[in-house]
Amino acid sequence: MFRARAPRLAVLATAVLVLGACQPSTGDDGHDAREPRFPKADRPIAQTTSSTFSTEALRDSSNEANVVMDLAQVRPGMTVADLGAGEGYYTVRLSQRVGKKGRVLGEDIDRGANERLAARVMREELENVSIKLGRPSDPSLPEKSFDRIFLIHMYHEVGDPYGFLWRLRPALRPGGKLVVVDVDRPAGTHGLPPSLLFCEFASVGYRLTEFVRKPELQGYYAQFEAAGPRPAPEAIKPCRISGAAPPKHNESQG
């Protein structure tokens, strides 16, 4: 399990950056023969534009982080991951919520964002936070390690959603939840229609447990858990934009 404390974060971040530069050999089509193949998403993928979604003061003015953490029932002592952490808006607030006995992993695929987050964690002396450089389609998280994994305004930018979700599943502890906050917009416009989100997650063996629309989130909150065995990569059926349909659930307007 990740155990790096604040004074060691700069070393940790540097080591992760070096490791991230090592890439396995690939075939003529650019695919690593040792890696499973996943279906391509039948939708446009939004391009990453910035590691900052909005100003922290503005987000705090709407009580965004507290609303999300309350919905996710984040409690002291939990171990949580903030993927697409950016400048650390959620990483810092999760650190405060889980307390000294909890652990937080902040991860981003942007090296610059990771370095800035590491510096912030050291500056604010957040000893329960570790930083890790992620890969676009593989968060590379340790198995059965997290009570909650957060994907805040970032899932619509994942270029290999089925591979990403498939590799992410083992990191959840029994009873763990995967939390998505996003905006109800057409795919490719920095958001995702909920019906398509539900379909993609269901294709990889996740069950929707809660869906809420709240103005504080500038969008919606969706919560999932792993359900049944993880499907084989070749058995995953890609969702079609025109045919995506949500599973049965109780939607709350908050």
C-alpha atoms as a PDB file:
ATOM      1  CA  MET A   1       0.000   0.000   0.000  1.00  0.00           C
ATOM      2  CA  PHE A   2       1.206   3.524  -0.673  1.00  0.00           C
ATOM      3  CA  ARG A   3       2.798   4.938   2.482  1.00  0.00           C
ATOM      4  CA  ALA A   4       4.840   7.939   1.357  1.00  0.00           C
ATOM      5  CA  ARG A   5       4.600  10.837   3.779  1.00  0.00           C
ATOM      6  CA  ALA A   6       4.853  14.505   2.851  1.00  0.00           C
ATOM      7  CA  PRO A   7       8.646  14.952   3.183  1.00  0.00           C
ATOM      8  CA  ARG A   8       9.205  12.056   0.781  1.00  0.00           C
ATOM      9  CA  LEU A   9       6.704  13.140  -1.859  1.00  0.00           C
ATOM     10  CA  ALA A  10       9.189  14.969  -4.078  1.00  0.00           C
ATOM     11  CA  VAL A  11      11.335  11.833  -4.273  1.00  0.00           C
ATOM     12  CA  LEU A  12       8.267   9.691  -4.874  1.00  0.00           C
ATOM     13  CA  ALA A  13       7.004  11.950  -7.649  1.00  0.00           C
ATOM     14  CA  THR A  14      10.412  11.956  -9.350  1.00  0.00           C
ATOM     15  CA  ALA A  15      10.658   8.177  -9.188  1.00  0.00           C
ATOM     16  CA  VAL A  16       7.188   7.789 -10.630  1.00  0.00           C
ATOM     17  CA  LEU A  17       8.015  10.127 -13.497  1.00  0.00           C
ATOM     18  CA  VAL A  18      11.088   8.074 -14.370  1.00  0.00           C
ATOM     19  CA  LEU A  19       9.142   4.826 -14.244  1.00  0.00           C
ATOM     20  CA  GLY A  20       6.392   6.351 -16.334  1.00  0.00           C
ATOM     21  CA  ALA A  21       8.866   7.003 -19.146  1.00  0.00           C
ATOM     22  CA  CYS A  22       9.557   3.266 -19.545  1.00  0.00           C
ATOM     23  CA  GLN A  23       7.215   1.796 -22.143  1.00  0.00           C
ATOM     24  CA  PRO A  24       6.840  -1.856 -23.170  1.00  0.00           C
ATOM     25  CA  SER A  25       7.647  -2.853 -26.729  1.00  0.00           C
ATOM     26  CA  THR A  26       4.733  -2.802 -29.160  1.00  0.00           C
ATOM     27  CA  GLY A  27       3.776  -4.407 -32.441  1.00  0.00           C
ATOM     28  CA  ASP A  28       3.295  -2.750 -35.819  1.00  0.00           C
ATOM     29  CA  ASP A  29      -0.117  -1.445 -34.765  1.00  0.00           C
ATOM     30  CA  GLY A  30       1.307   0.082 -31.567  1.00  0.00           C
ATOM     31  CA  HIS A  31      -0.345  -2.522 -29.339  1.00  0.00           C
ATOM     32  CA  ASP A  32       1.627  -4.378 -26.676  1.00  0.00           C
ATOM     33  CA  ALA A  33       1.075  -8.072 -27.426  1.00  0.00           C
ATOM     34  CA  ARG A  34       1.098  -8.824 -23.696  1.00  0.00           C
ATOM     35  CA  GLU A  35      -1.837  -6.498 -23.031  1.00  0.00           C
ATOM     36  CA  PRO A  36      -5.501  -7.447 -23.629  1.00  0.00           C
ATOM     37  CA  ARG A  37      -7.442  -5.671 -26.339  1.00  0.00           C
ATOM     38  CA  PHE A  38     -10.544  -3.697 -25.480  1.00  0.00           C
ATOM     39  CA  PRO A  39     -13.285  -2.338 -27.738  1.00  0.00           C
ATOM     40  CA  LYS A  40     -13.031   1.269 -28.805  1.00  0.00           C
ATOM     41  CA  ALA A  41     -15.558   3.692 -27.419  1.00  0.00           C
ATOM     42  CA  ASP A  42     -18.284   4.529 -29.923  1.00  0.00           C
ATOM     43  CA  ARG A  43     -18.179   8.213 -29.059  1.00  0.00           C
ATOM     44  CA  PRO A  44     -15.870  11.185 -29.384  1.00  0.00           C
ATOM     45  CA  ILE A  45     -13.387  11.625 -26.537  1.00  0.00           C
ATOM     46  CA  ALA A  46     -13.001  15.105 -25.081  1.00  0.00           C
ATOM     47  CA  GLN A  47      -9.470  16.444 -25.269  1.00  0.00           C
ATOM     48  CA  THR A  48      -7.705  17.321 -22.020  1.00  0.00           C
ATOM     49  CA  THR A  49      -7.542  21.089 -21.798  1.00  0.00           C
ATOM     50  CA  SER A  50      -6.474  21.946 -18.261  1.00  0.00           C
ATOM     51  CA  SER A  51      -5.727  20.353 -14.916  1.00  0.00           C
ATOM     52  CA  THR A  52      -7.923  23.010 -13.280  1.00  0.00           C
ATOM     53  CA  PHE A  53     -11.697  22.593 -13.658  1.00  0.00           C
ATOM     54  CA  SER A  54     -12.659  25.793 -11.835  1.00  0.00           C
ATOM     55  CA  THR A  55     -11.306  28.067  -9.131  1.00  0.00           C
ATOM     56  CA  GLU A  56     -11.253  26.514  -5.673  1.00  0.00           C
ATOM     57  CA  ALA A  57     -12.938  29.545  -4.115  1.00  0.00           C
ATOM     58  CA  LEU A  58     -15.816  29.262  -6.564  1.00  0.00           C
ATOM     59  CA  ARG A  59     -16.191  25.541  -5.955  1.00  0.00           C
ATOM     60  CA  ASP A  60     -16.090  26.046  -2.201  1.00  0.00           C
ATOM     61  CA  SER A  61     -18.719  28.769  -2.445  1.00  0.00           C
ATOM     62  CA  SER A  62     -21.168  26.144  -3.690  1.00  0.00           C
ATOM     63  CA  ASN A  63     -19.965  23.599  -1.094  1.00  0.00           C
ATOM     64  CA  GLU A  64     -19.112  21.201  -3.919  1.00  0.00           C
ATOM     65  CA  ALA A  65     -16.522  18.983  -2.227  1.00  0.00           C
ATOM     66  CA  ASN A  66     -18.528  18.549   0.962  1.00  0.00           C
ATOM     67  CA  VAL A  67     -21.628  17.609  -1.027  1.00  0.00           C
ATOM     68  CA  VAL A  68     -19.701  14.964  -2.963  1.00  0.00           C
ATOM     69  CA  MET A  69     -17.935  13.565   0.103  1.00  0.00           C
ATOM     70  CA  ASP A  70     -21.231  13.426   2.003  1.00  0.00           C
ATOM     71  CA  LEU A  71     -22.927  11.581  -0.856  1.00  0.00           C
ATOM     72  CA  ALA A  72     -19.997   9.155  -0.989  1.00  0.00           C
ATOM     73  CA  GLN A  73     -20.123   8.741   2.805  1.00  0.00           C
ATOM     74  CA  VAL A  74     -16.399   9.398   3.180  1.00  0.00           C
ATOM     75  CA  ARG A  75     -15.459   8.799   6.799  1.00  0.00           C
ATOM     76  CA  PRO A  76     -12.336   9.081   8.958  1.00  0.00           C
ATOM     77  CA  GLY A  77      -9.968   6.164   8.482  1.00  0.00           C
ATOM     78  CA  MET A  78     -10.963   5.409   4.895  1.00  0.00           C
ATOM     79  CA  THR A  79      -8.509   4.884   2.056  1.00  0.00           C
ATOM     80  CA  VAL A  80      -9.493   6.840  -1.050  1.00  0.00           C
ATOM     81  CA  ALA A  81      -8.088   7.671  -4.495  1.00  0.00           C
ATOM     82  CA  ASP A  82      -8.531  10.894  -6.450  1.00  0.00           C
ATOM     83  CA  LEU A  83      -7.839  10.111 -10.115  1.00  0.00           C
ATOM     84  CA  GLY A  84      -7.321  13.072 -12.415  1.00  0.00           C
ATOM     85  CA  ALA A  85      -6.380  14.975  -9.266  1.00  0.00           C
ATOM     86  CA  GLY A  86      -5.053  18.019 -11.124  1.00  0.00           C
ATOM     87  CA  GLU A  87      -4.112  20.795  -8.705  1.00  0.00           C
ATOM     88  CA  GLY A  88      -5.511  18.797  -5.778  1.00  0.00           C
ATOM     89  CA  TYR A  89      -8.867  20.383  -4.995  1.00  0.00           C
ATOM     90  CA  TYR A  90     -10.358  17.055  -3.919  1.00  0.00           C
ATOM     91  CA  THR A  91      -7.084  15.495  -2.760  1.00  0.00           C
ATOM     92  CA  VAL A  92      -6.631  18.179  -0.091  1.00  0.00           C
ATOM     93  CA  ARG A  93     -10.228  18.039   1.105  1.00  0.00           C
ATOM     94  CA  LEU A  94     -10.293  14.252   1.139  1.00  0.00           C
ATOM     95  CA  SER A  95      -7.155  14.359   3.264  1.00  0.00           C
ATOM     96  CA  GLN A  96      -8.976  16.478   5.818  1.00  0.00           C
ATOM     97  CA  ARG A  97     -12.058  14.247   5.762  1.00  0.00           C
ATOM     98  CA  VAL A  98     -10.333  10.850   6.206  1.00  0.00           C
ATOM     99  CA  GLY A  99      -8.062  12.197   8.942  1.00  0.00           C
ATOM    100  CA  LYS A 100      -4.748  10.964  10.282  1.00  0.00           C
ATOM    101  CA  LYS A 101      -5.790   7.313  10.210  1.00  0.00           C
ATOM    102  CA  GLY A 102      -6.988   7.533   6.608  1.00  0.00           C
ATOM    103  CA  ARG A 103      -4.995   7.552   3.390  1.00  0.00           C
ATOM    104  CA  VAL A 104      -5.399   9.487   0.133  1.00  0.00           C
ATOM    105  CA  LEU A 105      -3.800   8.835  -3.244  1.00  0.00           C
ATOM    106  CA  GLY A 106      -3.718  11.735  -5.693  1.00  0.00           C
ATOM    107  CA  GLU A 107      -3.028  10.633  -9.257  1.00  0.00           C
ATOM    108  CA  ASP A 108      -2.876  12.414 -12.595  1.00  0.00           C
ATOM    109  CA  ILE A 109      -1.446  11.584 -16.024  1.00  0.00           C
ATOM    110  CA  ASP A 110      -0.080  15.129 -16.352  1.00  0.00           C
ATOM    111  CA  ARG A 111       3.489  15.267 -15.017  1.00  0.00           C
ATOM    112  CA  GLY A 112       3.339  18.993 -14.370  1.00  0.00           C
ATOM    113  CA  ALA A 113       0.115  18.675 -12.389  1.00  0.00           C
ATOM    114  CA  ASN A 114       1.621  15.835 -10.372  1.00  0.00           C
ATOM    115  CA  GLU A 115       4.675  17.908  -9.507  1.00  0.00           C
ATOM    116  CA  ARG A 116       2.558  20.894  -8.484  1.00  0.00           C
ATOM    117  CA  LEU A 117       0.329  18.672  -6.374  1.00  0.00           C
ATOM    118  CA  ALA A 118       3.359  17.082  -4.696  1.00  0.00           C
ATOM    119  CA  ALA A 119       4.678  20.554  -3.856  1.00  0.00           C
ATOM    120  CA  ARG A 120       1.300  21.558  -2.441  1.00  0.00           C
ATOM    121  CA  VAL A 121       1.048  18.434  -0.303  1.00  0.00           C
ATOM    122  CA  MET A 122       4.503  19.080   1.114  1.00  0.00           C
ATOM    123  CA  ARG A 123       3.743  22.768   1.676  1.00  0.00           C
ATOM    124  CA  GLU A 124       0.504  21.988   3.521  1.00  0.00           C
ATOM    125  CA  GLU A 125       2.121  19.047   5.367  1.00  0.00           C
ATOM    126  CA  LEU A 126      -0.535  16.520   4.410  1.00  0.00           C
ATOM    127  CA  GLU A 127       1.120  13.432   5.810  1.00  0.00           C
ATOM    128  CA  ASN A 128      -1.719  11.073   4.837  1.00  0.00           C
ATOM    129  CA  VAL A 129      -1.401  11.829   1.101  1.00  0.00           C
ATOM    130  CA  SER A 130       0.685  10.053  -1.558  1.00  0.00           C
ATOM    131  CA  ILE A 131       1.150  11.132  -5.179  1.00  0.00           C
ATOM    132  CA  LYS A 132       1.393   8.873  -8.215  1.00  0.00           C
ATOM    133  CA  LEU A 133       1.730   9.410 -11.948  1.00  0.00           C
ATOM    134  CA  GLY A 134      -0.986   7.536 -13.805  1.00  0.00           C
ATOM    135  CA  ARG A 135      -1.217   6.199 -17.341  1.00  0.00           C
ATOM    136  CA  PRO A 136      -4.040   7.129 -19.722  1.00  0.00           C
ATOM    137  CA  SER A 137      -5.668   3.690 -19.800  1.00  0.00           C
ATOM    138  CA  ASP A 138      -4.260   2.131 -16.629  1.00  0.00           C
ATOM    139  CA  PRO A 139      -4.347   3.772 -13.187  1.00  0.00           C
ATOM    140  CA  SER A 140      -2.121   0.913 -11.904  1.00  0.00           C
ATOM    141  CA  LEU A 141      -3.636   0.853  -8.423  1.00  0.00           C
ATOM    142  CA  PRO A 142      -2.923  -1.879  -5.857  1.00  0.00           C
ATOM    143  CA  GLU A 143      -5.622  -4.535  -5.527  1.00  0.00           C
ATOM    144  CA  LYS A 144      -8.297  -4.328  -2.830  1.00  0.00           C
ATOM    145  CA  SER A 145      -6.887  -1.089  -1.460  1.00  0.00           C
ATOM    146  CA  PHE A 146      -9.582   1.581  -1.761  1.00  0.00           C
ATOM    147  CA  ASP A 147     -12.902   2.245  -0.080  1.00  0.00           C
ATOM    148  CA  ARG A 148     -13.696   5.023  -2.560  1.00  0.00           C
ATOM    149  CA  ILE A 149     -12.231   5.978  -5.933  1.00  0.00           C
ATOM    150  CA  PHE A 150     -13.168   9.402  -7.328  1.00  0.00           C
ATOM    151  CA  LEU A 151     -13.346  10.371 -11.007  1.00  0.00           C
ATOM    152  CA  ILE A 152     -14.283  14.048 -10.842  1.00  0.00           C
ATOM    153  CA  HIS A 153     -14.933  15.795 -14.161  1.00  0.00           C
ATOM    154  CA  MET A 154     -12.397  13.556 -15.894  1.00  0.00           C
ATOM    155  CA  TYR A 155     -14.011  10.321 -17.106  1.00  0.00           C
ATOM    156  CA  HIS A 156     -15.158  11.911 -20.378  1.00  0.00           C
ATOM    157  CA  GLU A 157     -11.456  12.496 -21.220  1.00  0.00           C
ATOM    158  CA  VAL A 158     -10.431   8.834 -20.816  1.00  0.00           C
ATOM    159  CA  GLY A 159      -9.498   7.633 -24.305  1.00  0.00           C
ATOM    160  CA  ASP A 160      -9.806   3.901 -23.514  1.00  0.00           C
ATOM    161  CA  PRO A 161     -12.784   3.796 -21.135  1.00  0.00           C
ATOM    162  CA  TYR A 162     -13.348   0.031 -21.226  1.00  0.00           C
ATOM    163  CA  GLY A 163      -9.705  -0.793 -20.571  1.00  0.00           C
ATOM    164  CA  PHE A 164      -9.514   1.895 -17.886  1.00  0.00           C
ATOM    165  CA  LEU A 165     -12.605   0.650 -16.027  1.00  0.00           C
ATOM    166  CA  TRP A 166     -11.562  -2.998 -16.398  1.00  0.00           C
ATOM    167  CA  ARG A 167      -8.143  -2.369 -14.874  1.00  0.00           C
ATOM    168  CA  LEU A 168      -9.644  -0.182 -12.145  1.00  0.00           C
ATOM    169  CA  ARG A 169     -12.061  -2.781 -10.751  1.00  0.00           C
ATOM    170  CA  PRO A 170      -9.579  -4.879  -8.723  1.00  0.00           C
ATOM    171  CA  ALA A 171      -8.482  -1.803  -6.739  1.00  0.00           C
ATOM    172  CA  LEU A 172     -11.824  -1.593  -4.923  1.00  0.00           C
ATOM    173  CA  ARG A 173     -12.123  -3.216  -1.544  1.00  0.00           C
ATOM    174  CA  PRO A 174     -15.220  -5.344  -0.831  1.00  0.00           C
ATOM    175  CA  GLY A 175     -18.025  -2.826  -0.506  1.00  0.00           C
ATOM    176  CA  GLY A 176     -15.927  -0.124  -2.178  1.00  0.00           C
ATOM    177  CA  LYS A 177     -17.526   2.484  -4.419  1.00  0.00           C
ATOM    178  CA  LEU A 178     -16.453   4.228  -7.620  1.00  0.00           C
ATOM    179  CA  VAL A 179     -17.701   7.823  -7.767  1.00  0.00           C
ATOM    180  CA  VAL A 180     -18.156   9.869 -10.945  1.00  0.00           C
ATOM    181  CA  VAL A 181     -19.035  13.563 -11.093  1.00  0.00           C
ATOM    182  CA  ASP A 182     -19.617  14.890 -14.592  1.00  0.00           C
ATOM    183  CA  VAL A 183     -21.791  17.153 -16.714  1.00  0.00           C
ATOM    184  CA  ASP A 184     -24.800  16.033 -18.770  1.00  0.00           C
ATOM    185  CA  ARG A 185     -23.544  17.102 -22.202  1.00  0.00           C
ATOM    186  CA  PRO A 186     -23.053  15.335 -25.544  1.00  0.00           C
ATOM    187  CA  ALA A 187     -19.935  13.176 -25.673  1.00  0.00           C
ATOM    188  CA  GLY A 188     -16.908  15.111 -26.875  1.00  0.00           C
ATOM    189  CA  THR A 189     -17.986  18.397 -25.277  1.00  0.00           C
ATOM    190  CA  HIS A 190     -16.434  17.888 -21.831  1.00  0.00           C
ATOM    191  CA  GLY A 191     -19.317  15.958 -20.406  1.00  0.00           C
ATOM    192  CA  LEU A 192     -21.205  12.690 -20.919  1.00  0.00           C
ATOM    193  CA  PRO A 193     -24.895  11.802 -21.084  1.00  0.00           C
ATOM    194  CA  PRO A 194     -25.778   9.725 -18.005  1.00  0.00           C
ATOM    195  CA  SER A 195     -27.333   6.948 -20.106  1.00  0.00           C
ATOM    196  CA  LEU A 196     -24.030   6.421 -21.932  1.00  0.00           C
ATOM    197  CA  LEU A 197     -22.096   6.529 -18.661  1.00  0.00           C
ATOM    198  CA  PHE A 198     -24.367   3.863 -17.156  1.00  0.00           C
ATOM    199  CA  CYS A 199     -24.039   1.660 -20.220  1.00  0.00           C
ATOM    200  CA  GLU A 200     -20.232   1.807 -20.327  1.00  0.00           C
ATOM    201  CA  PHE A 201     -19.892   0.998 -16.646  1.00  0.00           C
ATOM    202  CA  ALA A 202     -22.400  -1.860 -16.877  1.00  0.00           C
ATOM    203  CA  SER A 203     -20.448  -3.321 -19.813  1.00  0.00           C
ATOM    204  CA  VAL A 204     -17.436  -3.794 -17.532  1.00  0.00           C
ATOM    205  CA  GLY A 205     -19.430  -5.210 -14.620  1.00  0.00           C
ATOM    206  CA  TYR A 206     -20.330  -2.229 -12.463  1.00  0.00           C
ATOM    207  CA  ARG A 207     -23.727  -1.708 -10.844  1.00  0.00           C
ATOM    208  CA  LEU A 208     -25.164   1.785 -10.420  1.00  0.00           C
ATOM    209  CA  THR A 209     -26.007   2.356  -6.742  1.00  0.00           C
ATOM    210  CA  GLU A 210     -26.868   6.059  -6.708  1.00  0.00           C
ATOM    211  CA  PHE A 211     -27.510   8.879  -9.150  1.00  0.00           C
ATOM    212  CA  VAL A 212     -28.120  12.483  -8.093  1.00  0.00           C
ATOM    213  CA  ARG A 213     -28.360  15.799  -9.914  1.00  0.00           C
ATOM    214  CA  LYS A 214     -27.314  18.769  -7.812  1.00  0.00           C
ATOM    215  CA  PRO A 215     -26.508  22.386  -8.753  1.00  0.00           C
ATOM    216  CA  GLU A 216     -23.548  22.373  -6.350  1.00  0.00           C
ATOM    217  CA  LEU A 217     -21.840  19.822  -8.611  1.00  0.00           C
ATOM    218  CA  GLN A 218     -22.323  21.700 -11.884  1.00  0.00           C
ATOM    219  CA  GLY A 219     -23.671  18.361 -13.100  1.00  0.00           C
ATOM    220  CA  TYR A 220     -24.472  14.936 -11.687  1.00  0.00           C
ATOM    221  CA  TYR A 221     -23.167  12.419  -9.146  1.00  0.00           C
ATOM    222  CA  ALA A 222     -23.081   8.726 -10.075  1.00  0.00           C
ATOM    223  CA  GLN A 223     -21.914   5.964  -7.754  1.00  0.00           C
ATOM    224  CA  PHE A 224     -21.045   2.404  -8.780  1.00  0.00           C
ATOM    225  CA  GLU A 225     -19.903  -0.859  -7.222  1.00  0.00           C
ATOM    226  CA  ALA A 226     -18.387  -3.970  -8.768  1.00  0.00           C
ATOM    227  CA  ALA A 227     -21.041  -6.590  -9.502  1.00  0.00           C
ATOM    228  CA  GLY A 228     -20.286 -10.202 -10.344  1.00  0.00           C
ATOM    229  CA  PRO A 229     -17.112 -11.418 -12.019  1.00  0.00           C
ATOM    230  CA  ARG A 230     -15.049  -9.050 -14.118  1.00  0.00           C
ATOM    231  CA  PRO A 231     -15.808  -9.810 -17.789  1.00  0.00           C
ATOM    232  CA  ALA A 232     -13.084 -11.001 -20.136  1.00  0.00           C
ATOM    233  CA  PRO A 233     -11.872  -8.117 -22.344  1.00  0.00           C
ATOM    234  CA  GLU A 234     -13.074  -9.861 -25.514  1.00  0.00           C
ATOM    235  CA  ALA A 235     -16.550 -10.268 -23.990  1.00  0.00           C
ATOM    236  CA  ILE A 236     -17.068  -6.543 -23.411  1.00  0.00           C
ATOM    237  CA  LYS A 237     -19.708  -5.115 -25.740  1.00  0.00           C
ATOM    238  CA  PRO A 238     -19.203  -1.433 -26.589  1.00  0.00           C
ATOM    239  CA  CYS A 239     -22.126   0.908 -26.055  1.00  0.00           C
ATOM    240  CA  ARG A 240     -23.606   2.812 -28.970  1.00  0.00           C
ATOM    241  CA  ILE A 241     -24.506   6.443 -28.525  1.00  0.00           C
ATOM    242  CA  SER A 242     -27.920   5.936 -30.112  1.00  0.00           C
ATOM    243  CA  GLY A 243     -28.649   2.732 -28.202  1.00  0.00           C
ATOM    244  CA  ALA A 244     -27.247   3.410 -24.734  1.00  0.00           C
ATOM    245  CA  ALA A 245     -29.855   2.883 -22.057  1.00  0.00           C
ATOM    246  CA  PRO A 246     -29.538   3.269 -18.315  1.00  0.00           C
ATOM    247  CA  PRO A 247     -30.075   0.349 -15.968  1.00  0.00           C
ATOM    248  CA  LYS A 248     -32.989   0.593 -13.590  1.00  0.00           C
ATOM    249  CA  HIS A 249     -32.248   2.924 -10.726  1.00  0.00           C
ATOM    250  CA  ASN A 250     -33.815   5.479  -8.452  1.00  0.00           C
ATOM    251  CA  GLU A 251     -32.766   8.958  -9.477  1.00  0.00           C
ATOM    252  CA  SER A 252     -32.774  11.741  -6.922  1.00  0.00           C
ATOM    253  CA  GLN A 253     -32.858  15.398  -7.810  1.00  0.00           C
ATOM    254  CA  GLY A 254     -31.389  16.336  -4.419  1.00  0.00           C
END
